[in-house]
């Protein structure tokens, strides 16, 4: 088993959406690599992150999931043909595209009594866990996934 390596990280931020200063492409890549290592992933990974507003997320949610509502995050593994944007440049790399609504994340941060950048990192980890085959379709799986997200963020913060 070889150490995971990120061969490509793409970060797109839609017009009208702004990210906290600390949420740079380098920080996202660092967090992503941490999650991949901690989860025992190996090989090459290509990751795309797109930060959008609720209107664009609603459009995508309708197009890809048939649900006419915004959501906080959508994940598109490269193994499928439903890539949200870019991605898949390296045919040998695992990975996918993760689309996050900054508006919904900001609202959730207020509800959770933490900063928007913390919520965005939380969602990045959530998307990465989905790319690593975690599932949150039932309450038990969702609880386990949320607990793992918290643990991964805490270990990344401690290492940083």
C-alpha atoms as a PDB file:
ATOM      1  CA  UNK A   1       0.000   0.000   0.000  1.00  0.00           C
ATOM      2  CA  UNK A   2       1.485   3.339  -1.041  1.00  0.00           C
ATOM      3  CA  UNK A   3       1.122   6.662   0.739  1.00  0.00           C
ATOM      4  CA  UNK A   4      -1.769   8.724  -0.648  1.00  0.00           C
ATOM      5  CA  UNK A   5      -0.739  11.648  -2.813  1.00  0.00           C
ATOM      6  CA  UNK A   6      -2.812  14.400  -4.233  1.00  0.00           C
ATOM      7  CA  UNK A   7      -1.953  14.895  -7.875  1.00  0.00           C
ATOM      8  CA  UNK A   8      -4.469  17.669  -8.455  1.00  0.00           C
ATOM      9  CA  UNK A   9      -6.563  19.991  -6.299  1.00  0.00           C
ATOM     10  CA  UNK A  10      -8.840  22.445  -8.039  1.00  0.00           C
ATOM     11  CA  UNK A  11     -10.659  25.108  -6.046  1.00  0.00           C
ATOM     12  CA  UNK A  12     -13.328  27.192  -7.762  1.00  0.00           C
ATOM     13  CA  UNK A  13     -15.272  29.977  -6.067  1.00  0.00           C
ATOM     14  CA  UNK A  14     -18.345  31.241  -7.908  1.00  0.00           C
ATOM     15  CA  UNK A  15     -18.934  34.960  -8.384  1.00  0.00           C
ATOM     16  CA  UNK A  16     -20.748  36.537  -5.462  1.00  0.00           C
ATOM     17  CA  UNK A  17     -19.385  33.967  -3.013  1.00  0.00           C
ATOM     18  CA  UNK A  18     -16.450  34.644  -0.733  1.00  0.00           C
ATOM     19  CA  UNK A  19     -14.458  32.287   1.422  1.00  0.00           C
ATOM     20  CA  UNK A  20     -12.828  33.031   4.769  1.00  0.00           C
ATOM     21  CA  UNK A  21      -9.189  34.112   4.357  1.00  0.00           C
ATOM     22  CA  UNK A  22      -7.872  30.942   5.986  1.00  0.00           C
ATOM     23  CA  UNK A  23      -9.645  28.638   3.557  1.00  0.00           C
ATOM     24  CA  UNK A  24      -7.016  28.691   0.822  1.00  0.00           C
ATOM     25  CA  UNK A  25      -6.258  26.066  -1.788  1.00  0.00           C
ATOM     26  CA  UNK A  26      -3.193  25.115   0.260  1.00  0.00           C
ATOM     27  CA  UNK A  27      -5.264  24.703   3.459  1.00  0.00           C
ATOM     28  CA  UNK A  28      -7.855  22.619   1.601  1.00  0.00           C
ATOM     29  CA  UNK A  29      -5.114  20.409   0.142  1.00  0.00           C
ATOM     30  CA  UNK A  30      -3.526  19.997   3.586  1.00  0.00           C
ATOM     31  CA  UNK A  31      -6.829  19.007   5.172  1.00  0.00           C
ATOM     32  CA  UNK A  32      -7.599  16.653   2.273  1.00  0.00           C
ATOM     33  CA  UNK A  33      -4.252  14.884   2.536  1.00  0.00           C
ATOM     34  CA  UNK A  34      -4.699  14.551   6.310  1.00  0.00           C
ATOM     35  CA  UNK A  35      -8.106  12.898   5.838  1.00  0.00           C
ATOM     36  CA  UNK A  36      -6.778  10.547   3.152  1.00  0.00           C
ATOM     37  CA  UNK A  37      -3.842   9.492   5.363  1.00  0.00           C
ATOM     38  CA  UNK A  38      -5.963   9.032   8.479  1.00  0.00           C
ATOM     39  CA  UNK A  39      -8.477   6.964   6.541  1.00  0.00           C
ATOM     40  CA  UNK A  40      -5.768   4.682   5.141  1.00  0.00           C
ATOM     41  CA  UNK A  41      -6.236   5.750   1.529  1.00  0.00           C
ATOM     42  CA  UNK A  42      -3.445   5.130  -0.921  1.00  0.00           C
ATOM     43  CA  UNK A  43      -2.411   6.046  -4.434  1.00  0.00           C
ATOM     44  CA  UNK A  44      -3.062   9.149  -6.492  1.00  0.00           C
ATOM     45  CA  UNK A  45      -6.032  11.432  -5.796  1.00  0.00           C
ATOM     46  CA  UNK A  46      -7.542  14.220  -7.877  1.00  0.00           C
ATOM     47  CA  UNK A  47      -9.940  16.499  -6.001  1.00  0.00           C
ATOM     48  CA  UNK A  48     -12.110  19.378  -7.135  1.00  0.00           C
ATOM     49  CA  UNK A  49     -13.827  21.780  -4.755  1.00  0.00           C
ATOM     50  CA  UNK A  50     -16.405  24.297  -5.895  1.00  0.00           C
ATOM     51  CA  UNK A  51     -17.941  26.840  -3.553  1.00  0.00           C
ATOM     52  CA  UNK A  52     -21.318  28.177  -4.679  1.00  0.00           C
ATOM     53  CA  UNK A  53     -24.363  30.101  -3.462  1.00  0.00           C
ATOM     54  CA  UNK A  54     -27.735  28.568  -2.686  1.00  0.00           C
ATOM     55  CA  UNK A  55     -29.205  29.346  -6.118  1.00  0.00           C
ATOM     56  CA  UNK A  56     -26.494  27.373  -7.928  1.00  0.00           C
ATOM     57  CA  UNK A  57     -26.642  24.559  -5.373  1.00  0.00           C
ATOM     58  CA  UNK A  58     -30.410  24.342  -5.808  1.00  0.00           C
ATOM     59  CA  UNK A  59     -29.953  24.112  -9.594  1.00  0.00           C
ATOM     60  CA  UNK A  60     -27.383  21.333  -9.204  1.00  0.00           C
ATOM     61  CA  UNK A  61     -29.451  19.497  -6.605  1.00  0.00           C
ATOM     62  CA  UNK A  62     -32.401  19.551  -9.014  1.00  0.00           C
ATOM     63  CA  UNK A  63     -30.283  18.500 -12.011  1.00  0.00           C
ATOM     64  CA  UNK A  64     -28.352  15.671 -10.376  1.00  0.00           C
ATOM     65  CA  UNK A  65     -30.666  14.481  -7.590  1.00  0.00           C
ATOM     66  CA  UNK A  66     -34.119  15.544  -8.757  1.00  0.00           C
ATOM     67  CA  UNK A  67     -34.638  17.601  -5.572  1.00  0.00           C
ATOM     68  CA  UNK A  68     -35.717  21.223  -5.975  1.00  0.00           C
ATOM     69  CA  UNK A  69     -34.051  22.633  -2.870  1.00  0.00           C
ATOM     70  CA  UNK A  70     -30.610  23.836  -1.853  1.00  0.00           C
ATOM     71  CA  UNK A  71     -28.410  21.557   0.228  1.00  0.00           C
ATOM     72  CA  UNK A  72     -25.085  22.053   1.980  1.00  0.00           C
ATOM     73  CA  UNK A  73     -22.918  19.642  -0.011  1.00  0.00           C
ATOM     74  CA  UNK A  74     -22.941  17.353  -3.017  1.00  0.00           C
ATOM     75  CA  UNK A  75     -20.211  14.857  -3.810  1.00  0.00           C
ATOM     76  CA  UNK A  76     -19.445  13.448  -7.250  1.00  0.00           C
ATOM     77  CA  UNK A  77     -16.976  10.522  -7.285  1.00  0.00           C
ATOM     78  CA  UNK A  78     -14.875  10.331 -10.439  1.00  0.00           C
ATOM     79  CA  UNK A  79     -16.010   6.745 -10.896  1.00  0.00           C
ATOM     80  CA  UNK A  80     -19.369   8.079 -12.091  1.00  0.00           C
ATOM     81  CA  UNK A  81     -20.157  10.075 -15.216  1.00  0.00           C
ATOM     82  CA  UNK A  82     -21.899  12.782 -13.160  1.00  0.00           C
ATOM     83  CA  UNK A  83     -18.929  15.038 -12.519  1.00  0.00           C
ATOM     84  CA  UNK A  84     -20.010  18.440 -11.300  1.00  0.00           C
ATOM     85  CA  UNK A  85     -17.109  20.260 -12.972  1.00  0.00           C
ATOM     86  CA  UNK A  86     -13.564  19.546 -14.146  1.00  0.00           C
ATOM     87  CA  UNK A  87     -12.059  16.590 -12.401  1.00  0.00           C
ATOM     88  CA  UNK A  88     -10.875  13.309 -13.751  1.00  0.00           C
ATOM     89  CA  UNK A  89      -7.839  14.658 -15.591  1.00  0.00           C
ATOM     90  CA  UNK A  90      -5.665  11.824 -14.287  1.00  0.00           C
ATOM     91  CA  UNK A  91      -7.426   8.607 -15.280  1.00  0.00           C
ATOM     92  CA  UNK A  92      -5.469   6.600 -12.701  1.00  0.00           C
ATOM     93  CA  UNK A  93      -6.362   8.908  -9.808  1.00  0.00           C
ATOM     94  CA  UNK A  94      -9.234   8.298  -7.447  1.00  0.00           C
ATOM     95  CA  UNK A  95     -11.218  11.237  -6.166  1.00  0.00           C
ATOM     96  CA  UNK A  96     -14.071  13.429  -7.187  1.00  0.00           C
ATOM     97  CA  UNK A  97     -15.706  16.806  -7.107  1.00  0.00           C
ATOM     98  CA  UNK A  98     -17.172  18.324  -3.960  1.00  0.00           C
ATOM     99  CA  UNK A  99     -19.620  21.215  -4.265  1.00  0.00           C
ATOM    100  CA  UNK A 100     -20.434  23.228  -1.130  1.00  0.00           C
ATOM    101  CA  UNK A 101     -23.002  25.982  -0.635  1.00  0.00           C
ATOM    102  CA  UNK A 102     -21.288  28.769   1.305  1.00  0.00           C
ATOM    103  CA  UNK A 103     -24.679  30.330   2.120  1.00  0.00           C
ATOM    104  CA  UNK A 104     -26.050  27.142   3.660  1.00  0.00           C
ATOM    105  CA  UNK A 105     -22.745  26.510   5.454  1.00  0.00           C
ATOM    106  CA  UNK A 106     -22.887  30.011   6.971  1.00  0.00           C
ATOM    107  CA  UNK A 107     -26.427  29.432   8.231  1.00  0.00           C
ATOM    108  CA  UNK A 108     -25.434  26.056   9.679  1.00  0.00           C
ATOM    109  CA  UNK A 109     -22.438  27.631  11.403  1.00  0.00           C
ATOM    110  CA  UNK A 110     -24.753  30.036  13.214  1.00  0.00           C
ATOM    111  CA  UNK A 111     -26.985  27.137  14.291  1.00  0.00           C
ATOM    112  CA  UNK A 112     -23.922  25.175  15.439  1.00  0.00           C
ATOM    113  CA  UNK A 113     -22.438  28.201  17.246  1.00  0.00           C
ATOM    114  CA  UNK A 114     -19.135  28.086  15.416  1.00  0.00           C
ATOM    115  CA  UNK A 115     -17.363  30.051  12.703  1.00  0.00           C
ATOM    116  CA  UNK A 116     -18.257  29.675   9.003  1.00  0.00           C
ATOM    117  CA  UNK A 117     -14.722  28.488   8.173  1.00  0.00           C
ATOM    118  CA  UNK A 118     -15.144  25.680  10.733  1.00  0.00           C
ATOM    119  CA  UNK A 119     -18.391  24.615   9.063  1.00  0.00           C
ATOM    120  CA  UNK A 120     -16.785  24.740   5.620  1.00  0.00           C
ATOM    121  CA  UNK A 121     -13.897  22.534   6.799  1.00  0.00           C
ATOM    122  CA  UNK A 122     -16.446  20.199   8.409  1.00  0.00           C
ATOM    123  CA  UNK A 123     -18.231  19.906   5.069  1.00  0.00           C
ATOM    124  CA  UNK A 124     -14.966  19.375   3.173  1.00  0.00           C
ATOM    125  CA  UNK A 125     -14.211  16.423   5.455  1.00  0.00           C
ATOM    126  CA  UNK A 126     -17.780  15.158   4.970  1.00  0.00           C
ATOM    127  CA  UNK A 127     -17.361  15.195   1.200  1.00  0.00           C
ATOM    128  CA  UNK A 128     -13.995  13.467   1.405  1.00  0.00           C
ATOM    129  CA  UNK A 129     -15.463  10.722   3.587  1.00  0.00           C
ATOM    130  CA  UNK A 130     -18.143  10.158   0.952  1.00  0.00           C
ATOM    131  CA  UNK A 131     -15.374   9.790  -1.658  1.00  0.00           C
ATOM    132  CA  UNK A 132     -13.846   7.227   0.705  1.00  0.00           C
ATOM    133  CA  UNK A 133     -17.123   5.262   0.621  1.00  0.00           C
ATOM    134  CA  UNK A 134     -18.615   6.436   3.918  1.00  0.00           C
ATOM    135  CA  UNK A 135     -22.407   6.498   3.851  1.00  0.00           C
ATOM    136  CA  UNK A 136     -24.900   8.526   5.904  1.00  0.00           C
ATOM    137  CA  UNK A 137     -28.214   7.174   4.665  1.00  0.00           C
ATOM    138  CA  UNK A 138     -29.475   6.036   8.066  1.00  0.00           C
ATOM    139  CA  UNK A 139     -29.209   7.574  11.531  1.00  0.00           C
ATOM    140  CA  UNK A 140     -26.522   5.196  12.815  1.00  0.00           C
ATOM    141  CA  UNK A 141     -24.277   5.683   9.767  1.00  0.00           C
ATOM    142  CA  UNK A 142     -24.801   9.447   9.896  1.00  0.00           C
ATOM    143  CA  UNK A 143     -23.888   9.588  13.593  1.00  0.00           C
ATOM    144  CA  UNK A 144     -20.724   7.556  12.966  1.00  0.00           C
ATOM    145  CA  UNK A 145     -19.781   9.763  10.015  1.00  0.00           C
ATOM    146  CA  UNK A 146     -20.312  13.006  11.956  1.00  0.00           C
ATOM    147  CA  UNK A 147     -18.240  11.651  14.850  1.00  0.00           C
ATOM    148  CA  UNK A 148     -15.441  10.723  12.438  1.00  0.00           C
ATOM    149  CA  UNK A 149     -15.572  14.216  10.877  1.00  0.00           C
ATOM    150  CA  UNK A 150     -15.107  15.798  14.315  1.00  0.00           C
ATOM    151  CA  UNK A 151     -12.208  13.473  15.140  1.00  0.00           C
ATOM    152  CA  UNK A 152     -10.452  14.159  11.827  1.00  0.00           C
ATOM    153  CA  UNK A 153     -10.803  17.929  12.247  1.00  0.00           C
ATOM    154  CA  UNK A 154      -9.506  17.755  15.810  1.00  0.00           C
ATOM    155  CA  UNK A 155      -6.454  15.716  14.774  1.00  0.00           C
ATOM    156  CA  UNK A 156      -5.768  18.089  11.849  1.00  0.00           C
ATOM    157  CA  UNK A 157      -6.034  21.122  14.149  1.00  0.00           C
ATOM    158  CA  UNK A 158      -3.709  19.460  16.663  1.00  0.00           C
ATOM    159  CA  UNK A 159      -1.162  18.659  13.944  1.00  0.00           C
ATOM    160  CA  UNK A 160      -1.285  22.168  12.439  1.00  0.00           C
END
